[in-house]
Every structure is written in C-alpha cells, then in structure tokens.
Protein backbone atom coordinates (compact mmCIF):
# COMPACT_ATOMS: atom_id res chain seq x y z
CA MET A 1 70.67 36.00 61.42
CA SER A 2 73.76 38.06 60.65
CA GLY A 3 76.63 38.27 63.08
CA LYS A 4 79.17 41.01 63.52
CA PRO A 5 81.52 41.06 60.52
CA GLU A 6 85.05 39.86 61.14
CA PRO A 7 87.57 42.72 61.28
CA SER A 8 90.10 42.92 58.47
CA PRO A 9 93.62 41.72 59.35
CA GLN A 10 94.80 45.33 59.40
CA ASP A 11 91.98 46.38 61.73
CA HIS A 12 92.76 43.42 63.99
CA TRP A 13 96.39 44.43 64.45
CA GLU A 14 95.65 48.14 64.79
CA ASP A 15 93.23 47.21 67.57
CA VAL A 16 95.84 45.03 69.29
CA TYR A 17 98.33 47.90 69.44
CA GLN A 18 95.66 50.39 70.53
CA ARG A 19 94.46 48.23 73.42
CA LYS A 20 97.76 47.16 74.98
CA PRO A 21 101.22 48.63 75.49
CA ALA A 22 103.72 46.95 73.16
CA ASP A 23 105.84 45.62 76.02
CA THR A 24 102.90 43.66 77.45
CA LEU A 25 102.08 41.75 74.25
CA SER A 26 102.80 38.03 74.28
CA TRP A 27 105.59 38.16 71.69
CA TYR A 28 107.50 41.01 73.34
CA ARG A 29 111.15 40.62 74.30
CA PRO A 30 113.48 43.49 75.27
CA HIS A 31 115.97 42.05 72.76
CA LEU A 32 115.45 39.33 70.15
CA GLU A 33 118.54 37.34 71.09
CA THR A 34 117.66 34.28 69.00
CA SER A 35 116.91 36.37 65.91
CA LEU A 36 120.18 38.27 66.24
CA ALA A 37 122.24 35.11 66.71
CA LEU A 38 120.67 33.43 63.67
CA LEU A 39 121.02 36.56 61.54
CA GLU A 40 124.69 36.74 62.48
CA GLN A 41 125.11 33.12 61.39
CA ALA A 42 123.46 34.10 58.10
CA GLY A 43 125.91 36.92 57.44
CA LEU A 44 124.60 39.96 59.28
CA GLY A 45 126.93 42.92 58.90
CA PRO A 46 126.90 46.69 58.33
CA ASP A 47 126.60 46.37 54.54
CA VAL A 48 123.65 43.97 54.32
CA ARG A 49 120.20 44.97 53.08
CA LEU A 50 117.71 43.54 55.57
CA ILE A 51 113.92 43.39 55.72
CA ASP A 52 112.11 42.61 58.96
CA VAL A 53 108.63 41.44 57.95
CA GLY A 54 106.01 41.91 60.64
CA GLY A 55 108.58 43.92 62.57
CA GLY A 56 105.96 46.16 64.13
CA ALA A 57 107.11 47.73 67.37
CA SER A 58 109.89 45.15 67.85
CA THR A 59 113.25 46.26 69.21
CA LEU A 60 115.14 44.28 66.55
CA VAL A 61 115.62 47.45 64.52
CA ASP A 62 117.27 49.14 67.54
CA ASP A 63 119.79 46.35 67.88
CA LEU A 64 120.46 46.26 64.13
CA LEU A 65 121.23 49.98 64.18
CA ASP A 66 123.54 49.39 67.15
CA ARG A 67 125.43 46.90 64.96
CA GLY A 68 125.84 49.47 62.23
CA VAL A 69 123.32 48.03 59.76
CA ALA A 70 122.28 50.93 57.55
CA ALA A 71 119.88 49.46 54.96
CA ILE A 72 116.90 48.31 57.05
CA THR A 73 113.27 47.96 55.96
CA VAL A 74 110.62 47.26 58.61
CA LEU A 75 107.31 46.08 57.17
CA ASP A 76 104.11 45.64 59.13
CA LEU A 77 100.38 45.61 58.50
CA SER A 78 99.88 47.94 61.47
CA ARG A 79 100.86 51.56 60.92
CA GLN A 80 100.41 52.18 64.65
CA ALA A 81 103.00 49.51 65.49
CA LEU A 82 105.50 51.13 63.13
CA ASP A 83 104.76 54.55 64.61
CA LEU A 84 105.61 53.20 68.07
CA ALA A 85 109.01 52.01 66.83
CA ARG A 86 109.66 55.28 65.01
CA ALA A 87 108.79 57.30 68.10
CA ARG A 88 111.05 55.13 70.25
CA LEU A 89 114.01 55.55 67.92
CA GLY A 90 113.54 59.24 67.18
CA ASP A 91 116.27 60.61 64.94
CA ARG A 92 118.07 57.24 65.01
CA GLY A 93 115.32 55.80 62.85
CA ALA A 94 115.51 58.44 60.12
CA GLY A 95 117.37 56.13 57.75
CA VAL A 96 115.04 53.15 58.27
CA ARG A 97 112.44 52.46 55.58
CA TRP A 98 109.09 52.03 57.37
CA LEU A 99 106.59 50.19 55.18
CA ALA A 100 102.96 49.85 56.31
CA ALA A 101 101.68 47.19 53.92
CA ASP A 102 100.31 43.69 53.48
CA LEU A 103 103.38 41.53 52.99
CA LEU A 104 101.63 39.30 50.47
CA THR A 105 100.88 42.18 48.09
CA ALA A 106 103.64 44.66 48.94
CA ASP A 107 105.74 45.88 46.01
CA LEU A 108 109.15 44.70 47.20
CA PRO A 109 112.23 45.20 45.02
CA ALA A 110 113.35 42.11 43.10
CA ALA A 111 116.55 40.70 44.68
CA GLY A 112 116.48 43.80 46.87
CA PHE A 113 117.54 42.17 50.14
CA ASP A 114 120.36 40.02 51.50
CA LEU A 115 118.50 39.00 54.67
CA TRP A 116 114.81 38.34 55.35
CA HIS A 117 113.73 38.14 58.99
CA ASP A 118 110.33 36.91 60.17
CA ARG A 119 109.42 36.25 63.78
CA ALA A 120 105.86 34.93 63.80
CA VAL A 121 104.29 36.22 60.59
CA LEU A 122 104.31 33.02 58.56
CA HIS A 123 102.60 31.06 61.32
CA PHE A 124 99.48 33.23 60.92
CA LEU A 125 99.22 32.15 57.27
CA THR A 126 97.16 29.02 57.69
CA ALA A 127 95.67 28.96 54.17
CA PRO A 128 97.87 27.18 51.60
CA GLU A 129 97.43 29.96 49.05
CA ALA A 130 98.57 32.59 51.55
CA ALA A 131 101.61 30.56 52.54
CA ALA A 132 102.47 30.07 48.86
CA ALA A 133 102.20 33.81 48.24
CA TYR A 134 104.55 34.40 51.17
CA ALA A 135 107.12 31.98 49.74
CA ALA A 136 106.89 33.66 46.34
CA GLN A 137 107.45 37.10 47.88
CA ALA A 138 110.52 35.92 49.77
CA ALA A 139 111.96 34.19 46.70
CA ARG A 140 111.49 37.33 44.63
CA ALA A 141 112.78 39.79 47.22
CA LEU A 142 115.90 37.89 48.30
CA ARG A 143 118.98 37.84 46.11
CA PRO A 144 120.48 34.45 45.21
CA GLY A 145 122.81 33.55 48.05
CA GLY A 146 120.79 35.60 50.53
CA HIS A 147 119.17 34.08 53.60
CA ALA A 148 115.75 33.95 55.23
CA VAL A 149 115.54 33.57 59.01
CA ILE A 150 111.98 32.49 59.81
CA GLY A 151 110.49 31.57 63.18
CA GLY A 152 107.02 30.57 64.32
CA PHE A 153 105.27 28.34 66.79
CA ALA A 154 106.71 24.82 66.86
CA PRO A 155 104.54 21.69 66.60
CA ASP A 156 104.27 21.70 70.41
CA GLY A 157 103.64 25.45 70.58
CA PRO A 158 100.31 27.22 71.18
CA GLU A 159 97.47 26.73 68.74
CA ARG A 160 96.50 30.42 68.77
CA CYS A 161 98.24 33.78 69.01
CA SER A 162 96.61 37.15 69.66
CA GLY A 163 93.18 35.56 69.27
CA LEU A 164 93.95 34.05 65.86
CA PRO A 165 94.63 30.43 64.85
CA VAL A 166 98.17 29.62 63.75
CA ALA A 167 99.91 26.90 61.78
CA ARG A 168 102.46 25.14 63.98
CA ARG A 169 105.49 24.04 61.95
CA SER A 170 108.92 22.50 62.41
CA ALA A 171 111.98 23.92 60.65
CA GLY A 172 111.57 21.16 58.08
CA ASP A 173 107.94 22.13 57.56
CA ILE A 174 108.97 25.74 56.96
CA ALA A 175 111.63 24.65 54.47
CA ALA A 176 109.14 22.46 52.60
CA LEU A 177 106.64 25.31 52.43
CA MET A 178 109.29 27.71 51.06
CA GLY A 179 109.95 25.35 48.16
CA PRO A 180 112.92 24.60 45.89
CA ALA A 181 114.05 28.23 45.74
CA PHE A 182 115.39 27.74 49.27
CA ARG A 183 117.66 25.27 51.04
CA LEU A 184 117.54 24.65 54.79
CA VAL A 185 120.99 25.42 56.22
CA GLY A 186 120.20 25.79 59.91
CA GLN A 187 117.52 25.30 62.52
CA HIS A 188 116.94 26.21 66.14
CA ARG A 189 114.39 25.64 68.89
CA GLU A 190 113.51 28.53 71.19
CA VAL A 191 111.30 28.56 74.27
CA HIS A 192 110.04 32.12 74.65
CA THR A 193 108.68 33.35 77.98
CA THR A 194 105.92 35.91 77.51
CA PRO A 195 105.59 39.06 79.67
CA GLY A 196 102.79 37.19 81.45
CA GLY A 197 105.12 34.32 82.37
CA HIS A 198 103.86 31.68 79.91
CA THR A 199 106.19 29.66 77.70
CA GLN A 200 105.87 29.27 73.94
CA ALA A 201 107.90 26.85 71.81
CA PHE A 202 109.26 28.37 68.59
CA ALA A 203 110.91 26.59 65.66
CA TRP A 204 113.39 28.58 63.56
CA ALA A 205 114.62 27.83 60.06
CA VAL A 206 117.60 29.46 58.35
CA LEU A 207 117.22 29.09 54.59
CA ARG A 208 119.57 30.01 51.76
CA ARG A 209 118.11 31.48 48.58
CA GLU A 210 119.38 29.24 45.80
C-alpha cells in the first residue's frame, strides 16, 4: 500500500507561504530585536557583508537597511517568501541580493561574508550529515574573524515547527556542532511569543570564525 509521497522541502515551504499570511506564521515578529542586538555585538555596521540564511519574508532586512547596511544577501528555499520581502521593500530592496536556493548546496562565495545570521534554519537539520553540511557552508562562507549568529529552539523549546520535527539545542550544542572552525563568544536565551500567543524558548549562539 503506497501512501502520498512526502513533499520536497521546497514544496513544503512554498505551501506554508501560500496558505498563510507571513505575519501570522509562528516565527513572525515585527522586528527581530534579539537578532539585531546580537548582530550589533558581533560588529554590525554599514560596511559589513551579511547573509541572512532562511531570511524568507522576515523584516530583518528592513531594519538592516535602516542601519545603512549595503551588502545584504537574503537566502531562502522559498522563492515566494523572498518575493513577499521584495514586494514589501519595493525600490529599497533593489541593492539586496535575493537568493532562492538550498543553503546546503548553494554556491556561496568563499570568505564572502563578515556576518552570518540564522534564526531557526539549523534547528530543522536533524540529520547529522545535514548539520555537518551546514557547518561546512558557514565555515567556507565566513571570513576568518567574522561571526555567525545562530538561533533555534532551546532544549525546553517545542519539538516541532511548521509541522516538521526539529533538533532542540543549547548554545553549547550549536557551538559543538559547528566544530573547531568556530569559537563560542556569546550566548543568549530568548522567549518568543508567537502571533497566536504561545511562547517558544530559543537558544542563541554567537560564534567567531577562527
């Protein structure tokens, strides 16, 4: 007996953004205050080259542009999510590089970024080989001395997100997964309140590329 085939990851996320307005999704915040604060600690400024992996329709890019950051890449598996952000920004987003791609196989420039931001991509990578591929991509794409700011569900956070299982990790767990190319230089706990009023515990790691 054959069941319905599982949708591809890309199809899953395209469906998510087709079914619901972006500002009703569980991860939505009008402004990513924690991300911005941690990025500022990691050296955010107008001259940095920053990649937001899994940025989707997030408003982080809006706030980065407000701070004068010019070299921004937003990568997401969902083209529809990126189109929502582009439409929201209009002409303001003309200088942003919008990259619809699978992070694990995307052709990112070697040492091409000073800052790597990830809010809840890594926690979807539950298979060890996928997590290892993620760490290798970040190590290759970040220049030595650059920083990765990575957040996902904490050990006491939800077990699933958007219908998918997640790996719940502490900041130390994230640092161990990223390997010897990175050193943990900061950590933070965030309790996010979803648009539906539920709370989700996040663990954040700030890592320096050695």
